[in-house]
Every structure is written in C-alpha cells, then in structure tokens.
Amino acid sequence: MDKQQTSLNDTLSYIHSELNRVQTIAGTLSTSESKHYKELTDMGDDRLNQIANEEQNAARQLGEVKQICINLVQKVEDIKNQYKQQESPDR
C-alpha cells in the first residue's frame, strides 16, 4: 500500500470514527430531551408544556442527526470496501 492509499484509508477511518462519536452524542442528547419532555408534560403547567414541546422537537432533530450519521458511516464503509476491491485485483 503506497503513501496515498494509506492516507485515504486513514482519512476514511477518521471520518468513520468521528461520525460514530456524533451519532452517540446525538443519541444521548435525544434520549435526554425525550425524558425532559415527559417530565415537563407531567407537571401540567401551560408554559412548561410549551417548553416540553420544544424539547420534543429537539429530540426529533437529534434523532435525525443520529440517522444521518448512521447513513454516512455506511457510505464511508462502502467507499472503503470499493477501494479495497479495486486494490485486490492487482495483487
């Protein structure tokens, strides 16, 4: 494997790792926001219900971020696999 190939593989591995981190963070925050939503709506106050709805929207958006990360991780893996397949026939 030459230097350029190693660099590409290292870059793809780094992207994969960072996407997994963002996915984990988004999942954790989404869970927390959902918990806040439930706690706030149980209090029965109109203003708290409004805040709860904002928390629920944030949880949904974080869930979308998590899903985007999952999809991007799969794309990175696809690229890595295609790259490896292109290398293999020459060996």
Protein backbone atom coordinates (compact mmCIF):
# COMPACT_ATOMS: atom_id res chain seq x y z
CA MET A 1 0.00 0.00 0.00
CA ASP A 2 1.55 3.31 -1.03
CA LYS A 3 1.51 6.54 0.95
CA GLN A 4 -1.55 7.97 -0.85
CA GLN A 5 -3.56 4.79 -0.28
CA THR A 6 -2.60 4.76 3.39
CA SER A 7 -3.58 8.41 3.73
CA LEU A 8 -7.00 7.79 2.15
CA ASN A 9 -7.62 4.78 4.37
CA ASP A 10 -6.59 6.76 7.46
CA THR A 11 -8.87 9.65 6.46
CA LEU A 12 -11.84 7.35 5.91
CA SER A 13 -11.19 5.65 9.24
CA TYR A 14 -11.07 9.03 10.97
CA ILE A 15 -14.33 10.14 9.35
CA HIS A 16 -15.94 6.85 10.37
CA SER A 17 -14.79 7.28 13.96
CA GLU A 18 -15.97 10.88 14.23
CA LEU A 19 -19.35 10.07 12.73
CA ASN A 20 -19.76 7.34 15.33
CA ARG A 21 -18.96 9.88 18.04
CA VAL A 22 -21.51 12.38 16.71
CA GLN A 23 -24.07 9.57 16.42
CA THR A 24 -23.51 8.60 20.07
CA ILE A 25 -23.72 12.20 21.28
CA ALA A 26 -26.90 12.85 19.28
CA GLY A 27 -28.48 9.67 20.61
CA THR A 28 -27.64 10.55 24.19
CA LEU A 29 -28.98 14.09 23.85
CA SER A 30 -32.11 12.87 22.10
CA THR A 31 -32.82 10.47 24.95
CA SER A 32 -32.30 13.24 27.48
CA GLU A 33 -34.60 15.62 25.60
CA SER A 34 -37.30 12.94 25.43
CA LYS A 35 -37.01 12.42 29.18
CA HIS A 36 -37.31 16.17 29.75
CA TYR A 37 -40.43 16.23 27.57
CA LYS A 38 -42.10 13.57 29.69
CA GLU A 39 -41.13 15.23 32.98
CA LEU A 40 -42.31 18.67 31.85
CA THR A 41 -45.66 17.49 30.46
CA ASP A 42 -46.35 15.63 33.71
CA MET A 43 -46.23 18.93 35.62
CA GLY A 44 -49.41 20.25 34.00
CA ASP A 45 -48.31 23.87 33.52
CA ASP A 46 -49.02 25.55 30.15
CA ARG A 47 -45.62 27.26 29.96
CA LEU A 48 -43.88 24.02 30.87
CA ASN A 49 -45.92 22.21 28.21
CA GLN A 50 -44.64 24.72 25.64
CA ILE A 51 -41.07 24.08 26.77
CA ALA A 52 -41.78 20.36 26.67
CA ASN A 53 -42.85 20.64 23.03
CA GLU A 54 -39.59 22.43 22.23
CA GLU A 55 -37.71 19.61 23.96
CA GLN A 56 -39.64 17.06 21.91
CA ASN A 57 -38.74 18.89 18.68
CA ALA A 58 -35.09 18.98 19.71
CA ALA A 59 -35.22 15.24 20.44
CA ARG A 60 -36.62 14.58 16.96
CA GLN A 61 -33.95 16.70 15.29
CA LEU A 62 -31.20 14.97 17.25
CA GLY A 63 -32.70 11.65 16.19
CA GLU A 64 -32.42 12.81 12.59
CA VAL A 65 -28.77 13.78 13.14
CA LYS A 66 -28.13 10.32 14.55
CA GLN A 67 -29.75 8.71 11.50
CA ILE A 68 -27.72 10.89 9.13
CA CYS A 69 -24.56 9.75 10.90
CA ILE A 70 -25.58 6.11 10.59
CA ASN A 71 -26.14 6.60 6.85
CA LEU A 72 -22.84 8.44 6.39
CA VAL A 73 -20.93 5.75 8.28
CA GLN A 74 -22.38 3.18 5.89
CA LYS A 75 -21.34 5.30 2.89
CA VAL A 76 -17.78 5.58 4.27
CA GLU A 77 -17.68 1.80 4.71
CA ASP A 78 -18.93 1.36 1.14
CA ILE A 79 -16.16 3.63 -0.14
CA LYS A 80 -13.53 1.76 1.87
CA ASN A 81 -14.80 -1.58 0.56
CA GLN A 82 -14.86 -0.37 -3.05
CA TYR A 83 -11.35 0.97 -2.66
CA LYS A 84 -10.12 -2.35 -1.24
CA GLN A 85 -11.77 -4.25 -4.11
CA GLN A 86 -10.02 -2.01 -6.65
CA GLU A 87 -6.67 -2.72 -4.98
CA SER A 88 -7.14 -6.51 -4.77
CA PRO A 89 -7.07 -7.49 -8.48
CA ASP A 90 -3.57 -6.02 -8.88
CA ARG A 91 -2.13 -8.33 -6.23
